[in-house]
Structure formats: C-alpha cells, structure tokens
Amino acid sequence: MTIRHDGLTVEWFGYATVRLETPSGFVAYLDPGRYGVLTGDWEPDNPDAAHPDPVDYHARDGDVVFVTHDHHYDSDGIERVASDDATVVAYEGVDAANTGRDVRPVDDLPYDVVRVGQEDHVTVGESEAWTVPAFNEPDGPHTDAGGDPYHPEGFGVGYLLSLDGTTAYWPGDTDALDGLGEIETSLFLPPIGGSFTMDRHEAADLAESIDPDLVVPIHYDTFAALETDSRAFAADVASRGVPVALDER
C-alpha cells in the first residue's frame, strides 16, 4: 500500500525501511534493508504478522539515504535504493566492523557520504535533516538480561526531515525520551514493536504529545521480538484525535 500525505508519497517496505517522495520526484530512504525485506527473502515468524510483503527491490532512485545506527546499516540495502549520484547521510557512530555482518564499510560506498553527529543539521538537495538523539534509558524497560540498554546513549540517532516543506520524523531505535514530545512534525513514523524500542503504548502517548497531521507506524512484526497489535495501536492513536494509517499487506 502507498500512503499519500501532504504531497509526500510514503511507503513502508518492512523493518525500518521507508521511502519518501516529494511531488517534484525527490526521493529519500530511511534505514533501507536487512532481514530480507528488500531481497524478497523475508519470512514471518508468525504467518499472521501485519507487515509488508518482501520484494526483490532494485529501484536505485534514491537521492538521499539516511542511516540511524549499526543495527540498521545494510550496504546491500543502500545499493538497492540509491541512485548513482545519491548522498548517504550516516550517523558518525555507524561502523561496519561493529555489525557482525558482511557489509561494506560506510566510507567505501560508491556515493557521497556525509557523517552526522547527535544534534546536527545537513542539507542534501531538496531535503533538510536534523539529527535527534535516540537511545534506551539505563533504568528503562528496554534493556538486556544484564540490565544494559540495547541502544545506549550515543549509539544512534533519529532524523527529522523537511522535504518540499513537509516534515517527517523517524525517531530511530529509541525510548520515548523526555523532550521528543516537543518535536513539531507533520508525519510521524514511530517504532511500535517494543523489546528494543518504545512499544505501541509508549508510541501512542508520544504521538499524542507531538500531535502530527498523520502517524504511520513502522519497525514491527518483522520477527517475533517485534510482534505487536498494530490495529490496537491505530485505534488508540485515533481515539486521541490523531490521524493514523497502517501501511501493511
């Protein structure tokens, strides 16, 4: 399904992969790839998972590609979506050597690469992007068996984008941190899978605080640890007077 919002075409491909296109044809991707969502190999742990079908995707139409952190870095995914003259905007902490996967180093990608910090601003073509800190709090619910956050502070970022005058916010893998509710955006793309990020209840609270023009949840049902009830999330958000849409099969 393709969602149209305030001039933008919005497509969720699964996991954290989102494609945004402006009326002029400028295309941005967020965290493309992993788990077979762009190779056609993804298989659900639960056959009833509310998740986009996998595609063997080779659009190579992206003008800019944004990467939030190591877990979402997939050089093959980037090469499937990026045009020959694309710019890759990657958080400065992204390091292929730390992924434990066979991926090309960021700086070896055949594109212009821009590294960004925790609170940076960058302009690429028709897009502007602001980085927003993304992490799990040490005393919060999203920690491993040893009590360590899955995403410690400094591990990654989210992105607030401006595309042809429409703002879109992908928080990345994060808790619903204090201060995020003050962000002003037209399109909100929250993770709702829980386990490693905010869950659907926390995301709904954050959506109410942000009060965007539209909420499109992502980062859920890709595998068992991310399973959630997306329809319950949508009903919860809608009951608070915030428009919401699900981009699922």
Protein backbone atom coordinates (compact mmCIF):
# COMPACT_ATOMS: atom_id res chain seq x y z
CA MET A 1 0.00 0.00 0.00
CA THR A 2 1.17 3.53 -0.75
CA ILE A 3 0.19 6.39 1.54
CA ARG A 4 -0.06 9.96 0.30
CA HIS A 5 0.31 12.75 2.81
CA ASP A 6 0.69 16.48 2.31
CA GLY A 7 2.31 15.98 -1.08
CA LEU A 8 4.58 13.14 0.03
CA THR A 9 4.34 9.55 -1.16
CA VAL A 10 5.10 7.29 1.81
CA GLU A 11 5.97 3.59 1.54
CA TRP A 12 7.00 1.20 4.30
CA PHE A 13 8.86 -1.86 2.98
CA GLY A 14 9.22 -3.60 6.33
CA TYR A 15 11.55 -3.41 9.33
CA ALA A 16 12.73 0.25 9.32
CA THR A 17 12.82 0.80 5.55
CA VAL A 18 10.76 3.79 4.40
CA ARG A 19 10.66 5.56 1.04
CA LEU A 20 9.54 9.20 0.87
CA GLU A 21 8.99 11.01 -2.42
CA THR A 22 8.12 14.67 -2.96
CA PRO A 23 5.84 15.98 -5.73
CA SER A 24 8.95 17.00 -7.71
CA GLY A 25 10.29 13.45 -7.63
CA PHE A 26 13.00 13.87 -4.97
CA VAL A 27 13.34 10.53 -3.14
CA ALA A 28 14.65 9.85 0.36
CA TYR A 29 15.06 6.48 2.05
CA LEU A 30 15.31 5.73 5.75
CA ASP A 31 17.34 2.75 7.02
CA PRO A 32 16.95 0.51 3.94
CA GLY A 33 17.31 -3.25 4.13
CA ARG A 34 18.01 -6.16 6.50
CA TYR A 35 16.06 -9.33 7.21
CA GLY A 36 15.21 -9.86 3.54
CA VAL A 37 12.67 -7.06 3.27
CA LEU A 38 14.36 -5.75 0.10
CA THR A 39 15.67 -9.06 -1.27
CA GLY A 40 12.36 -10.91 -1.32
CA ASP A 41 13.62 -13.39 1.31
CA TRP A 42 11.78 -12.18 4.41
CA GLU A 43 9.60 -14.79 6.06
CA PRO A 44 7.42 -14.01 9.07
CA ASP A 45 7.87 -15.85 12.34
CA ASN A 46 4.09 -15.51 12.65
CA PRO A 47 2.07 -16.13 9.45
CA ASP A 48 -0.45 -13.56 10.65
CA ALA A 49 2.17 -10.82 11.01
CA ALA A 50 0.93 -7.41 9.88
CA HIS A 51 3.90 -6.49 7.75
CA PRO A 52 4.59 -5.57 4.12
CA ASP A 53 5.35 -8.46 1.78
CA PRO A 54 9.03 -8.73 0.83
CA VAL A 55 10.15 -7.52 -2.59
CA ASP A 56 13.26 -8.09 -4.67
CA TYR A 57 13.87 -4.38 -4.92
CA HIS A 58 16.30 -2.62 -7.23
CA ALA A 59 14.76 0.85 -7.73
CA ARG A 60 18.05 2.74 -7.34
CA ASP A 61 16.10 6.00 -7.38
CA GLY A 62 17.09 7.47 -4.02
CA ASP A 63 18.56 10.95 -3.98
CA VAL A 64 19.46 10.65 -0.30
CA VAL A 65 19.66 7.71 2.11
CA PHE A 66 19.64 8.13 5.88
CA VAL A 67 21.14 5.60 8.32
CA THR A 68 20.48 5.83 12.05
CA HIS A 69 22.80 3.25 13.66
CA ASP A 70 24.70 -0.02 13.25
CA HIS A 71 21.68 -2.31 13.59
CA HIS A 72 20.04 -0.69 10.57
CA TYR A 73 23.14 -0.42 8.42
CA ASP A 74 22.90 -2.65 5.34
CA SER A 75 25.22 -1.75 2.46
CA ASP A 76 23.33 -4.08 0.08
CA GLY A 77 20.08 -2.37 1.02
CA ILE A 78 21.61 1.02 0.33
CA GLU A 79 22.88 -0.10 -3.07
CA ARG A 80 19.40 -1.38 -3.94
CA VAL A 81 17.78 2.01 -3.30
CA ALA A 82 20.44 4.66 -4.01
CA SER A 83 20.83 6.32 -7.39
CA ASP A 84 24.31 6.64 -8.88
CA ASP A 85 24.67 10.22 -7.63
CA ALA A 86 22.98 9.68 -4.26
CA THR A 87 24.20 11.04 -0.94
CA VAL A 88 24.30 8.75 2.09
CA VAL A 89 23.81 10.51 5.41
CA ALA A 90 25.04 8.22 8.17
CA TYR A 91 25.40 8.73 11.89
CA GLU A 92 29.08 9.08 12.79
CA GLY A 93 28.91 6.02 15.04
CA VAL A 94 27.92 3.63 12.24
CA ASP A 95 30.81 1.19 11.77
CA ALA A 96 30.62 -1.88 9.54
CA ALA A 97 33.17 -3.63 11.76
CA ASN A 98 30.76 -3.50 14.69
CA THR A 99 27.77 -5.02 12.91
CA GLY A 100 28.91 -8.63 12.91
CA ARG A 101 27.66 -8.86 9.32
CA ASP A 102 29.33 -8.94 5.91
CA VAL A 103 28.69 -5.35 4.92
CA ARG A 104 30.80 -2.83 3.04
CA PRO A 105 32.34 -0.06 5.19
CA VAL A 106 30.32 3.14 5.01
CA ASP A 107 33.15 5.19 3.58
CA ASP A 108 33.71 2.59 0.83
CA LEU A 109 30.20 3.03 -0.55
CA PRO A 110 30.19 4.41 -4.13
CA TYR A 111 28.29 7.54 -3.12
CA ASP A 112 28.90 10.87 -1.45
CA VAL A 113 28.89 10.11 2.28
CA VAL A 114 28.05 12.69 4.93
CA ARG A 115 28.65 11.82 8.57
CA VAL A 116 26.47 13.46 11.22
CA GLY A 117 26.56 13.69 14.99
CA GLN A 118 23.93 13.62 17.71
CA GLU A 119 22.43 17.04 17.04
CA ASP A 120 23.43 18.13 13.54
CA HIS A 121 21.78 19.76 10.56
CA VAL A 122 22.52 18.91 6.94
CA THR A 123 21.04 19.92 3.59
CA VAL A 124 21.06 17.46 0.68
CA GLY A 125 19.35 18.56 -2.50
CA GLU A 126 15.73 19.32 -1.71
CA SER A 127 15.96 17.86 1.80
CA GLU A 128 16.98 19.21 5.15
CA ALA A 129 17.68 16.88 8.04
CA TRP A 130 18.19 17.35 11.75
CA THR A 131 19.55 14.53 13.89
CA VAL A 132 17.83 13.76 17.19
CA PRO A 133 19.40 11.61 19.93
CA ALA A 134 17.98 8.06 20.09
CA PHE A 135 18.68 5.60 22.90
CA ASN A 136 17.26 3.33 25.59
CA GLU A 137 17.41 4.65 29.12
CA PRO A 138 19.55 2.58 31.54
CA ASP A 139 16.72 2.38 34.05
CA GLY A 140 14.03 1.88 31.43
CA PRO A 141 12.22 -1.23 30.19
CA HIS A 142 14.32 -1.83 27.06
CA THR A 143 17.47 -3.42 28.45
CA ASP A 144 19.08 -6.83 28.02
CA ALA A 145 19.30 -9.62 30.60
CA GLY A 146 22.30 -7.89 32.17
CA GLY A 147 20.44 -4.62 32.54
CA ASP A 148 22.32 -2.85 29.75
CA PRO A 149 20.35 -0.75 27.24
CA TYR A 150 20.10 -2.30 23.80
CA HIS A 151 20.85 1.15 22.41
CA PRO A 152 22.98 3.10 24.89
CA GLU A 153 23.17 6.86 24.69
CA GLY A 154 25.39 7.87 21.78
CA PHE A 155 24.74 4.67 19.81
CA GLY A 156 22.39 6.18 17.23
CA VAL A 157 20.08 8.98 16.16
CA GLY A 158 16.71 9.69 14.66
CA TYR A 159 16.04 12.07 11.78
CA LEU A 160 13.67 14.99 11.46
CA LEU A 161 13.37 15.72 7.75
CA SER A 162 11.97 18.59 5.74
CA LEU A 163 11.02 17.51 2.21
CA ASP A 164 9.48 20.14 -0.04
CA GLY A 165 8.03 21.86 3.02
CA THR A 166 6.62 18.73 4.67
CA THR A 167 8.30 17.47 7.82
CA ALA A 168 8.72 13.79 8.69
CA TYR A 169 10.18 12.34 11.88
CA TRP A 170 11.71 8.85 12.21
CA PRO A 171 12.91 8.55 15.81
CA GLY A 172 15.14 5.54 15.16
CA ASP A 173 15.53 2.83 17.78
CA THR A 174 14.77 4.69 20.96
CA ASP A 175 12.64 5.01 24.04
CA ALA A 176 10.01 7.71 24.14
CA LEU A 177 12.52 10.10 25.67
CA ASP A 178 11.71 13.28 27.54
CA GLY A 179 11.66 16.16 25.09
CA LEU A 180 10.68 14.17 22.00
CA GLY A 181 7.09 15.23 22.51
CA GLU A 182 8.15 18.81 21.75
CA ILE A 183 9.17 17.96 18.19
CA GLU A 184 6.99 19.54 15.54
CA THR A 185 6.34 17.36 12.51
CA SER A 186 3.61 16.69 10.00
CA LEU A 187 4.38 12.98 9.55
CA PHE A 188 5.38 10.80 12.49
CA LEU A 189 6.92 7.35 11.83
CA PRO A 190 7.26 5.74 15.27
CA PRO A 191 8.65 2.28 16.00
CA ILE A 192 5.98 0.30 17.85
CA GLY A 193 7.45 -3.20 18.14
CA GLY A 194 8.74 -2.81 21.68
CA SER A 195 11.54 -5.04 23.05
CA PHE A 196 14.31 -2.78 21.68
CA THR A 197 12.31 0.45 21.23
CA MET A 198 9.22 2.14 22.54
CA ASP A 199 6.20 -0.16 22.43
CA ARG A 200 2.80 0.67 20.96
CA HIS A 201 1.51 2.22 24.19
CA GLU A 202 4.56 4.47 24.63
CA ALA A 203 4.44 5.38 20.93
CA ALA A 204 0.77 6.30 21.19
CA ASP A 205 1.50 8.58 24.15
CA LEU A 206 4.30 10.22 22.18
CA ALA A 207 2.06 10.63 19.13
CA GLU A 208 -0.50 12.41 21.27
CA SER A 209 2.19 14.78 22.59
CA ILE A 210 3.63 15.52 19.15
CA ASP A 211 0.15 15.82 17.58
CA PRO A 212 1.26 15.35 13.96
CA ASP A 213 -1.02 15.51 10.94
CA LEU A 214 -0.50 11.78 10.35
CA VAL A 215 1.06 8.81 12.14
CA VAL A 216 2.38 5.83 10.17
CA PRO A 217 3.94 3.22 12.49
CA ILE A 218 6.93 1.11 11.38
CA HIS A 219 9.52 -1.29 12.87
CA TYR A 220 7.13 -4.02 13.98
CA ASP A 221 6.26 -7.66 13.20
CA THR A 222 9.48 -8.26 11.21
CA PHE A 223 10.39 -11.04 13.67
CA ALA A 224 8.97 -12.42 16.90
CA ALA A 225 10.57 -9.88 19.25
CA LEU A 226 8.86 -7.05 17.34
CA GLU A 227 5.37 -8.55 17.25
CA THR A 228 2.63 -6.19 18.34
CA ASP A 229 -1.01 -5.35 17.69
CA SER A 230 -0.83 -2.60 15.09
CA ARG A 231 -4.60 -2.29 14.82
CA ALA A 232 -4.86 -1.71 18.56
CA PHE A 233 -2.17 0.96 18.20
CA ALA A 234 -4.10 2.62 15.38
CA ALA A 235 -7.32 2.59 17.39
CA ASP A 236 -5.52 4.01 20.43
CA VAL A 237 -3.97 6.87 18.43
CA ALA A 238 -7.21 7.63 16.59
CA SER A 239 -9.10 7.77 19.90
CA ARG A 240 -6.80 10.63 20.90
CA GLY A 241 -7.81 12.63 17.83
CA VAL A 242 -4.59 11.99 15.88
CA PRO A 243 -4.91 10.70 12.29
CA VAL A 244 -3.19 7.35 11.71
CA ALA A 245 -2.65 4.97 8.78
CA LEU A 246 -1.23 1.45 8.59
CA ASP A 247 0.96 0.51 5.62
CA GLU A 248 0.66 -3.27 5.65
CA ARG A 249 -0.14 -6.09 3.24
